[in-house]
Amino acid sequence: GGGLVQAGGSLTLSCAFSGFIFRIH
């Protein structure tokens, strides 16, 4: 979701994760 944006603009980043053995804290 990263990119180039002008000041005052908006972006939305996403973090996708998988394959974890233990519960995520």
mmCIF file of all heavy atoms, coordinates in Angstrom:
data_MODEL
# 
_entry.id   MODEL 
# 
loop_
_atom_site.group_PDB 
_atom_site.id 
_atom_site.type_symbol 
_atom_site.label_atom_id 
_atom_site.label_alt_id 
_atom_site.label_comp_id 
_atom_site.label_asym_id 
_atom_site.label_entity_id 
_atom_site.label_seq_id 
_atom_site.pdbx_PDB_ins_code 
_atom_site.Cartn_x 
_atom_site.Cartn_y 
_atom_site.Cartn_z 
_atom_site.occupancy 
_atom_site.B_iso_or_equiv 
_atom_site.pdbx_formal_charge 
_atom_site.auth_seq_id 
_atom_site.auth_comp_id 
_atom_site.auth_asym_id 
_atom_site.auth_atom_id 
_atom_site.pdbx_PDB_model_num 
ATOM 1   N N   . GLY A 1 1  ? 0.773  -1.228  0.000  1.00 0.00 ? 1  GLY A N   1 
ATOM 2   C CA  . GLY A 1 1  ? 0.000  0.000   0.000  1.00 0.00 ? 1  GLY A CA  1 
ATOM 3   C C   . GLY A 1 1  ? 0.804  1.279   0.000  1.00 0.00 ? 1  GLY A C   1 
ATOM 4   O O   . GLY A 1 1  ? 0.227  2.371   -0.068 1.00 0.00 ? 1  GLY A O   1 
ATOM 5   N N   . GLY A 1 2  ? 2.118  1.184   0.078  1.00 0.00 ? 2  GLY A N   1 
ATOM 6   C CA  . GLY A 1 2  ? 2.931  2.382   0.048  1.00 0.00 ? 2  GLY A CA  1 
ATOM 7   C C   . GLY A 1 2  ? 2.915  3.042   -1.314 1.00 0.00 ? 2  GLY A C   1 
ATOM 8   O O   . GLY A 1 2  ? 2.465  2.469   -2.306 1.00 0.00 ? 2  GLY A O   1 
ATOM 9   N N   . GLY A 1 3  ? 3.405  4.260   -1.353 1.00 0.00 ? 3  GLY A N   1 
ATOM 10  C CA  . GLY A 1 3  ? 3.442  4.988   -2.605 1.00 0.00 ? 3  GLY A CA  1 
ATOM 11  C C   . GLY A 1 3  ? 3.833  6.428   -2.407 1.00 0.00 ? 3  GLY A C   1 
ATOM 12  O O   . GLY A 1 3  ? 4.284  6.833   -1.332 1.00 0.00 ? 3  GLY A O   1 
ATOM 13  N N   . LEU A 1 4  ? 3.654  7.203   -3.454 1.00 0.00 ? 4  LEU A N   1 
ATOM 14  C CA  . LEU A 1 4  ? 3.961  8.629   -3.458 1.00 0.00 ? 4  LEU A CA  1 
ATOM 15  C C   . LEU A 1 4  ? 2.668  9.416   -3.343 1.00 0.00 ? 4  LEU A C   1 
ATOM 16  O O   . LEU A 1 4  ? 1.715  9.174   -4.094 1.00 0.00 ? 4  LEU A O   1 
ATOM 17  C CB  . LEU A 1 4  ? 4.699  9.006   -4.742 1.00 0.00 ? 4  LEU A CB  1 
ATOM 18  C CG  . LEU A 1 4  ? 4.985  10.488  -4.979 1.00 0.00 ? 4  LEU A CG  1 
ATOM 19  C CD1 . LEU A 1 4  ? 5.929  11.023  -3.917 1.00 0.00 ? 4  LEU A CD1 1 
ATOM 20  C CD2 . LEU A 1 4  ? 5.559  10.690  -6.369 1.00 0.00 ? 4  LEU A CD2 1 
ATOM 21  N N   . VAL A 1 5  ? 2.639  10.356  -2.417 1.00 0.00 ? 5  VAL A N   1 
ATOM 22  C CA  . VAL A 1 5  ? 1.443  11.158  -2.200 1.00 0.00 ? 5  VAL A CA  1 
ATOM 23  C C   . VAL A 1 5  ? 1.854  12.585  -1.850 1.00 0.00 ? 5  VAL A C   1 
ATOM 24  O O   . VAL A 1 5  ? 2.922  12.811  -1.274 1.00 0.00 ? 5  VAL A O   1 
ATOM 25  C CB  . VAL A 1 5  ? 0.566  10.541  -1.083 1.00 0.00 ? 5  VAL A CB  1 
ATOM 26  C CG1 . VAL A 1 5  ? 1.289  10.584  0.260  1.00 0.00 ? 5  VAL A CG1 1 
ATOM 27  C CG2 . VAL A 1 5  ? -0.780 11.231  -0.993 1.00 0.00 ? 5  VAL A CG2 1 
ATOM 28  N N   . GLN A 1 6  ? 1.026  13.537  -2.215 1.00 0.00 ? 6  GLN A N   1 
ATOM 29  C CA  . GLN A 1 6  ? 1.280  14.927  -1.870 1.00 0.00 ? 6  GLN A CA  1 
ATOM 30  C C   . GLN A 1 6  ? 0.906  15.199  -0.420 1.00 0.00 ? 6  GLN A C   1 
ATOM 31  O O   . GLN A 1 6  ? 0.058  14.513  0.161  1.00 0.00 ? 6  GLN A O   1 
ATOM 32  C CB  . GLN A 1 6  ? 0.497  15.862  -2.790 1.00 0.00 ? 6  GLN A CB  1 
ATOM 33  C CG  . GLN A 1 6  ? 0.931  15.824  -4.248 1.00 0.00 ? 6  GLN A CG  1 
ATOM 34  C CD  . GLN A 1 6  ? 0.164  16.806  -5.100 1.00 0.00 ? 6  GLN A CD  1 
ATOM 35  O OE1 . GLN A 1 6  ? -0.728 17.513  -4.631 1.00 0.00 ? 6  GLN A OE1 1 
ATOM 36  N NE2 . GLN A 1 6  ? 0.509  16.865  -6.377 1.00 0.00 ? 6  GLN A NE2 1 
ATOM 37  N N   . ALA A 1 7  ? 1.548  16.190  0.162  1.00 0.00 ? 7  ALA A N   1 
ATOM 38  C CA  . ALA A 1 7  ? 1.219  16.589  1.521  1.00 0.00 ? 7  ALA A CA  1 
ATOM 39  C C   . ALA A 1 7  ? -0.272 16.874  1.644  1.00 0.00 ? 7  ALA A C   1 
ATOM 40  O O   . ALA A 1 7  ? -0.861 17.517  0.778  1.00 0.00 ? 7  ALA A O   1 
ATOM 41  C CB  . ALA A 1 7  ? 2.028  17.805  1.934  1.00 0.00 ? 7  ALA A CB  1 
ATOM 42  N N   . GLY A 1 8  ? -0.860 16.382  2.722  1.00 0.00 ? 8  GLY A N   1 
ATOM 43  C CA  . GLY A 1 8  ? -2.289 16.512  2.926  1.00 0.00 ? 8  GLY A CA  1 
ATOM 44  C C   . GLY A 1 8  ? -3.097 15.354  2.400  1.00 0.00 ? 8  GLY A C   1 
ATOM 45  O O   . GLY A 1 8  ? -4.293 15.247  2.703  1.00 0.00 ? 8  GLY A O   1 
ATOM 46  N N   . GLY A 1 9  ? -2.467 14.480  1.648  1.00 0.00 ? 9  GLY A N   1 
ATOM 47  C CA  . GLY A 1 9  ? -3.145 13.332  1.091  1.00 0.00 ? 9  GLY A CA  1 
ATOM 48  C C   . GLY A 1 9  ? -3.211 12.170  2.053  1.00 0.00 ? 9  GLY A C   1 
ATOM 49  O O   . GLY A 1 9  ? -2.801 12.265  3.210  1.00 0.00 ? 9  GLY A O   1 
ATOM 50  N N   . SER A 1 10 ? -3.715 11.045  1.549  1.00 0.00 ? 10 SER A N   1 
ATOM 51  C CA  . SER A 1 10 ? -3.935 9.867   2.379  1.00 0.00 ? 10 SER A CA  1 
ATOM 52  C C   . SER A 1 10 ? -3.428 8.609   1.697  1.00 0.00 ? 10 SER A C   1 
ATOM 53  O O   . SER A 1 10 ? -3.389 8.513   0.468  1.00 0.00 ? 10 SER A O   1 
ATOM 54  C CB  . SER A 1 10 ? -5.429 9.697   2.683  1.00 0.00 ? 10 SER A CB  1 
ATOM 55  O OG  . SER A 1 10 ? -5.955 10.803  3.388  1.00 0.00 ? 10 SER A OG  1 
ATOM 56  N N   . LEU A 1 11 ? -3.044 7.655   2.511  1.00 0.00 ? 11 LEU A N   1 
ATOM 57  C CA  . LEU A 1 11 ? -2.683 6.321   2.068  1.00 0.00 ? 11 LEU A CA  1 
ATOM 58  C C   . LEU A 1 11 ? -3.149 5.322   3.121  1.00 0.00 ? 11 LEU A C   1 
ATOM 59  O O   . LEU A 1 11 ? -3.247 5.660   4.301  1.00 0.00 ? 11 LEU A O   1 
ATOM 60  C CB  . LEU A 1 11 ? -1.175 6.160   1.882  1.00 0.00 ? 11 LEU A CB  1 
ATOM 61  C CG  . LEU A 1 11 ? -0.511 6.765   0.652  1.00 0.00 ? 11 LEU A CG  1 
ATOM 62  C CD1 . LEU A 1 11 ? 1.008  6.628   0.771  1.00 0.00 ? 11 LEU A CD1 1 
ATOM 63  C CD2 . LEU A 1 11 ? -1.009 6.095   -0.617 1.00 0.00 ? 11 LEU A CD2 1 
ATOM 64  N N   . THR A 1 12 ? -3.420 4.113   2.685  1.00 0.00 ? 12 THR A N   1 
ATOM 65  C CA  . THR A 1 12 ? -3.743 3.031   3.600  1.00 0.00 ? 12 THR A CA  1 
ATOM 66  C C   . THR A 1 12 ? -2.773 1.884   3.376  1.00 0.00 ? 12 THR A C   1 
ATOM 67  O O   . THR A 1 12 ? -2.670 1.354   2.267  1.00 0.00 ? 12 THR A O   1 
ATOM 68  C CB  . THR A 1 12 ? -5.185 2.541   3.405  1.00 0.00 ? 12 THR A CB  1 
ATOM 69  O OG1 . THR A 1 12 ? -6.097 3.613   3.655  1.00 0.00 ? 12 THR A OG1 1 
ATOM 70  C CG2 . THR A 1 12 ? -5.498 1.416   4.395  1.00 0.00 ? 12 THR A CG2 1 
ATOM 71  N N   . LEU A 1 13 ? -2.062 1.521   4.418  1.00 0.00 ? 13 LEU A N   1 
ATOM 72  C CA  . LEU A 1 13 ? -1.133 0.409   4.368  1.00 0.00 ? 13 LEU A CA  1 
ATOM 73  C C   . LEU A 1 13 ? -1.804 -0.851  4.908  1.00 0.00 ? 13 LEU A C   1 
ATOM 74  O O   . LEU A 1 13 ? -2.641 -0.781  5.805  1.00 0.00 ? 13 LEU A O   1 
ATOM 75  C CB  . LEU A 1 13 ? 0.121  0.709   5.199  1.00 0.00 ? 13 LEU A CB  1 
ATOM 76  C CG  . LEU A 1 13 ? 0.864  2.000   4.884  1.00 0.00 ? 13 LEU A CG  1 
ATOM 77  C CD1 . LEU A 1 13 ? 2.105  2.115   5.766  1.00 0.00 ? 13 LEU A CD1 1 
ATOM 78  C CD2 . LEU A 1 13 ? 1.233  2.077   3.411  1.00 0.00 ? 13 LEU A CD2 1 
ATOM 79  N N   . SER A 1 14 ? -1.408 -1.986  4.363  1.00 0.00 ? 14 SER A N   1 
ATOM 80  C CA  . SER A 1 14 ? -1.930 -3.263  4.809  1.00 0.00 ? 14 SER A CA  1 
ATOM 81  C C   . SER A 1 14 ? -0.792 -4.183  5.223  1.00 0.00 ? 14 SER A C   1 
ATOM 82  O O   . SER A 1 14 ? 0.260  -4.201  4.588  1.00 0.00 ? 14 SER A O   1 
ATOM 83  C CB  . SER A 1 14 ? -2.751 -3.941  3.712  1.00 0.00 ? 14 SER A CB  1 
ATOM 84  O OG  . SER A 1 14 ? -3.901 -3.189  3.392  1.00 0.00 ? 14 SER A OG  1 
ATOM 85  N N   . CYS A 1 15 ? -1.014 -4.928  6.280  1.00 0.00 ? 15 CYS A N   1 
ATOM 86  C CA  . CYS A 1 15 ? -0.078 -5.937  6.745  1.00 0.00 ? 15 CYS A CA  1 
ATOM 87  C C   . CYS A 1 15 ? -0.809 -7.269  6.777  1.00 0.00 ? 15 CYS A C   1 
ATOM 88  O O   . CYS A 1 15 ? -1.748 -7.442  7.565  1.00 0.00 ? 15 CYS A O   1 
ATOM 89  C CB  . CYS A 1 15 ? 0.464  -5.585  8.129  1.00 0.00 ? 15 CYS A CB  1 
ATOM 90  S SG  . CYS A 1 15 ? 1.503  -6.873  8.865  1.00 0.00 ? 15 CYS A SG  1 
ATOM 91  N N   . ALA A 1 16 ? -0.390 -8.183  5.937  1.00 0.00 ? 16 ALA A N   1 
ATOM 92  C CA  . ALA A 1 16 ? -0.970 -9.517  5.897  1.00 0.00 ? 16 ALA A CA  1 
ATOM 93  C C   . ALA A 1 16 ? -0.002 -10.502 6.530  1.00 0.00 ? 16 ALA A C   1 
ATOM 94  O O   . ALA A 1 16 ? 1.193  -10.486 6.220  1.00 0.00 ? 16 ALA A O   1 
ATOM 95  C CB  . ALA A 1 16 ? -1.282 -9.928  4.462  1.00 0.00 ? 16 ALA A CB  1 
ATOM 96  N N   . PHE A 1 17 ? -0.509 -11.348 7.406  1.00 0.00 ? 17 PHE A N   1 
ATOM 97  C CA  . PHE A 1 17 ? 0.358  -12.285 8.098  1.00 0.00 ? 17 PHE A CA  1 
ATOM 98  C C   . PHE A 1 17 ? -0.328 -13.649 8.209  1.00 0.00 ? 17 PHE A C   1 
ATOM 99  O O   . PHE A 1 17 ? -1.547 -13.754 8.270  1.00 0.00 ? 17 PHE A O   1 
ATOM 100 C CB  . PHE A 1 17 ? 0.760  -11.767 9.490  1.00 0.00 ? 17 PHE A CB  1 
ATOM 101 C CG  . PHE A 1 17 ? -0.371 -11.174 10.286 1.00 0.00 ? 17 PHE A CG  1 
ATOM 102 C CD1 . PHE A 1 17 ? -1.140 -11.965 11.120 1.00 0.00 ? 17 PHE A CD1 1 
ATOM 103 C CD2 . PHE A 1 17 ? -0.655 -9.821  10.193 1.00 0.00 ? 17 PHE A CD2 1 
ATOM 104 C CE1 . PHE A 1 17 ? -2.176 -11.413 11.856 1.00 0.00 ? 17 PHE A CE1 1 
ATOM 105 C CE2 . PHE A 1 17 ? -1.694 -9.258  10.924 1.00 0.00 ? 17 PHE A CE2 1 
ATOM 106 C CZ  . PHE A 1 17 ? -2.455 -10.054 11.757 1.00 0.00 ? 17 PHE A CZ  1 
ATOM 107 N N   . SER A 1 18 ? 0.500  -14.693 8.251  1.00 0.00 ? 18 SER A N   1 
ATOM 108 C CA  . SER A 1 18 ? -0.026 -16.054 8.281  1.00 0.00 ? 18 SER A CA  1 
ATOM 109 C C   . SER A 1 18 ? 1.032  -17.016 8.779  1.00 0.00 ? 18 SER A C   1 
ATOM 110 O O   . SER A 1 18 ? 2.220  -16.685 8.854  1.00 0.00 ? 18 SER A O   1 
ATOM 111 C CB  . SER A 1 18 ? -0.501 -16.481 6.885  1.00 0.00 ? 18 SER A CB  1 
ATOM 112 O OG  . SER A 1 18 ? 0.582  -16.496 5.970  1.00 0.00 ? 18 SER A OG  1 
ATOM 113 N N   . GLY A 1 19 ? 0.612  -18.212 9.130  1.00 0.00 ? 19 GLY A N   1 
ATOM 114 C CA  . GLY A 1 19 ? 1.519  -19.285 9.468  1.00 0.00 ? 19 GLY A CA  1 
ATOM 115 C C   . GLY A 1 19 ? 2.128  -19.233 10.857 1.00 0.00 ? 19 GLY A C   1 
ATOM 116 O O   . GLY A 1 19 ? 3.163  -19.855 11.090 1.00 0.00 ? 19 GLY A O   1 
ATOM 117 N N   . PHE A 1 20 ? 1.507  -18.527 11.783 1.00 0.00 ? 20 PHE A N   1 
ATOM 118 C CA  . PHE A 1 20 ? 2.065  -18.392 13.124 1.00 0.00 ? 20 PHE A CA  1 
ATOM 119 C C   . PHE A 1 20 ? 1.652  -19.561 14.013 1.00 0.00 ? 20 PHE A C   1 
ATOM 120 O O   . PHE A 1 20 ? 0.494  -19.963 14.050 1.00 0.00 ? 20 PHE A O   1 
ATOM 121 C CB  . PHE A 1 20 ? 1.646  -17.068 13.765 1.00 0.00 ? 20 PHE A CB  1 
ATOM 122 C CG  . PHE A 1 20 ? 2.341  -15.894 13.157 1.00 0.00 ? 20 PHE A CG  1 
ATOM 123 C CD1 . PHE A 1 20 ? 1.823  -15.274 12.030 1.00 0.00 ? 20 PHE A CD1 1 
ATOM 124 C CD2 . PHE A 1 20 ? 3.523  -15.415 13.700 1.00 0.00 ? 20 PHE A CD2 1 
ATOM 125 C CE1 . PHE A 1 20 ? 2.473  -14.199 11.458 1.00 0.00 ? 20 PHE A CE1 1 
ATOM 126 C CE2 . PHE A 1 20 ? 4.176  -14.339 13.134 1.00 0.00 ? 20 PHE A CE2 1 
ATOM 127 C CZ  . PHE A 1 20 ? 3.652  -13.734 12.013 1.00 0.00 ? 20 PHE A CZ  1 
ATOM 128 N N   . ILE A 1 21 ? 2.635  -20.097 14.733 1.00 0.00 ? 21 ILE A N   1 
ATOM 129 C CA  . ILE A 1 21 ? 2.393  -21.223 15.625 1.00 0.00 ? 21 ILE A CA  1 
ATOM 130 C C   . ILE A 1 21 ? 1.699  -20.783 16.897 1.00 0.00 ? 21 ILE A C   1 
ATOM 131 O O   . ILE A 1 21 ? 0.729  -21.407 17.349 1.00 0.00 ? 21 ILE A O   1 
ATOM 132 C CB  . ILE A 1 21 ? 3.722  -21.943 15.959 1.00 0.00 ? 21 ILE A CB  1 
ATOM 133 C CG1 . ILE A 1 21 ? 4.354  -22.505 14.687 1.00 0.00 ? 21 ILE A CG1 1 
ATOM 134 C CG2 . ILE A 1 21 ? 3.486  -23.047 16.979 1.00 0.00 ? 21 ILE A CG2 1 
ATOM 135 C CD1 . ILE A 1 21 ? 5.738  -23.092 14.898 1.00 0.00 ? 21 ILE A CD1 1 
ATOM 136 N N   . PHE A 1 22 ? 2.177  -19.703 17.494 1.00 0.00 ? 22 PHE A N   1 
ATOM 137 C CA  . PHE A 1 22 ? 1.610  -19.179 18.731 1.00 0.00 ? 22 PHE A CA  1 
ATOM 138 C C   . PHE A 1 22 ? 0.604  -18.080 18.433 1.00 0.00 ? 22 PHE A C   1 
ATOM 139 O O   . PHE A 1 22 ? 0.639  -17.438 17.382 1.00 0.00 ? 22 PHE A O   1 
ATOM 140 C CB  . PHE A 1 22 ? 2.710  -18.650 19.649 1.00 0.00 ? 22 PHE A CB  1 
ATOM 141 C CG  . PHE A 1 22 ? 3.655  -19.702 20.144 1.00 0.00 ? 22 PHE A CG  1 
ATOM 142 C CD1 . PHE A 1 22 ? 4.879  -19.895 19.531 1.00 0.00 ? 22 PHE A CD1 1 
ATOM 143 C CD2 . PHE A 1 22 ? 3.314  -20.501 21.218 1.00 0.00 ? 22 PHE A CD2 1 
ATOM 144 C CE1 . PHE A 1 22 ? 5.754  -20.860 19.983 1.00 0.00 ? 22 PHE A CE1 1 
ATOM 145 C CE2 . PHE A 1 22 ? 4.173  -21.473 21.680 1.00 0.00 ? 22 PHE A CE2 1 
ATOM 146 C CZ  . PHE A 1 22 ? 5.396  -21.657 21.069 1.00 0.00 ? 22 PHE A CZ  1 
ATOM 147 N N   . ARG A 1 23 ? -0.295 -17.867 19.380 1.00 0.00 ? 23 ARG A N   1 
ATOM 148 C CA  . ARG A 1 23 ? -1.279 -16.809 19.249 1.00 0.00 ? 23 ARG A CA  1 
ATOM 149 C C   . ARG A 1 23 ? -0.580 -15.462 19.171 1.00 0.00 ? 23 ARG A C   1 
ATOM 150 O O   . ARG A 1 23 ? 0.383  -15.199 19.877 1.00 0.00 ? 23 ARG A O   1 
ATOM 151 C CB  . ARG A 1 23 ? -2.237 -16.833 20.436 1.00 0.00 ? 23 ARG A CB  1 
ATOM 152 C CG  . ARG A 1 23 ? -3.398 -15.869 20.312 1.00 0.00 ? 23 ARG A CG  1 
ATOM 153 C CD  . ARG A 1 23 ? -4.319 -16.001 21.494 1.00 0.00 ? 23 ARG A CD  1 
ATOM 154 N NE  . ARG A 1 23 ? -3.681 -15.565 22.728 1.00 0.00 ? 23 ARG A NE  1 
ATOM 155 C CZ  . ARG A 1 23 ? -4.237 -15.650 23.926 1.00 0.00 ? 23 ARG A CZ  1 
ATOM 156 N NH1 . ARG A 1 23 ? -5.453 -16.178 24.045 1.00 0.00 ? 23 ARG A NH1 1 
ATOM 157 N NH2 . ARG A 1 23 ? -3.587 -15.231 25.001 1.00 0.00 ? 23 ARG A NH2 1 
ATOM 158 N N   . ILE A 1 24 ? -1.081 -14.608 18.314 1.00 0.00 ? 24 ILE A N   1 
ATOM 159 C CA  . ILE A 1 24 ? -0.511 -13.282 18.149 1.00 0.00 ? 24 ILE A CA  1 
ATOM 160 C C   . ILE A 1 24 ? -0.907 -12.403 19.327 1.00 0.00 ? 24 ILE A C   1 
ATOM 161 O O   . ILE A 1 24 ? -2.062 -12.378 19.741 1.00 0.00 ? 24 ILE A O   1 
ATOM 162 C CB  . ILE A 1 24 ? -0.971 -12.662 16.819 1.00 0.00 ? 24 ILE A CB  1 
ATOM 163 C CG1 . ILE A 1 24 ? -0.386 -13.454 15.648 1.00 0.00 ? 24 ILE A CG1 1 
ATOM 164 C CG2 . ILE A 1 24 ? -0.574 -11.193 16.734 1.00 0.00 ? 24 ILE A CG2 1 
ATOM 165 C CD1 . ILE A 1 24 ? -0.956 -13.077 14.301 1.00 0.00 ? 24 ILE A CD1 1 
ATOM 166 N N   . HIS A 1 25 ? 0.074  -11.675 19.859 1.00 0.00 ? 25 HIS A N   1 
ATOM 167 C CA  . HIS A 1 25 ? -0.169 -10.776 20.982 1.00 0.00 ? 25 HIS A CA  1 
ATOM 168 C C   . HIS A 1 25 ? -0.495 -9.370  20.501 1.00 0.00 ? 25 HIS A C   1 
ATOM 169 O O   . HIS A 1 25 ? -1.528 -8.802  20.855 1.00 0.00 ? 25 HIS A O   1 
ATOM 170 C CB  . HIS A 1 25 ? 1.041  -10.756 21.915 1.00 0.00 ? 25 HIS A CB  1 
ATOM 171 C CG  . HIS A 1 25 ? 0.820  -9.960  23.156 1.00 0.00 ? 25 HIS A CG  1 
ATOM 172 N ND1 . HIS A 1 25 ? 1.244  -8.651  23.294 1.00 0.00 ? 25 HIS A ND1 1 
ATOM 173 C CD2 . HIS A 1 25 ? 0.203  -10.283 24.323 1.00 0.00 ? 25 HIS A CD2 1 
ATOM 174 C CE1 . HIS A 1 25 ? 0.902  -8.207  24.487 1.00 0.00 ? 25 HIS A CE1 1 
ATOM 175 N NE2 . HIS A 1 25 ? 0.277  -9.178  25.130 1.00 0.00 ? 25 HIS A NE2 1 
# 
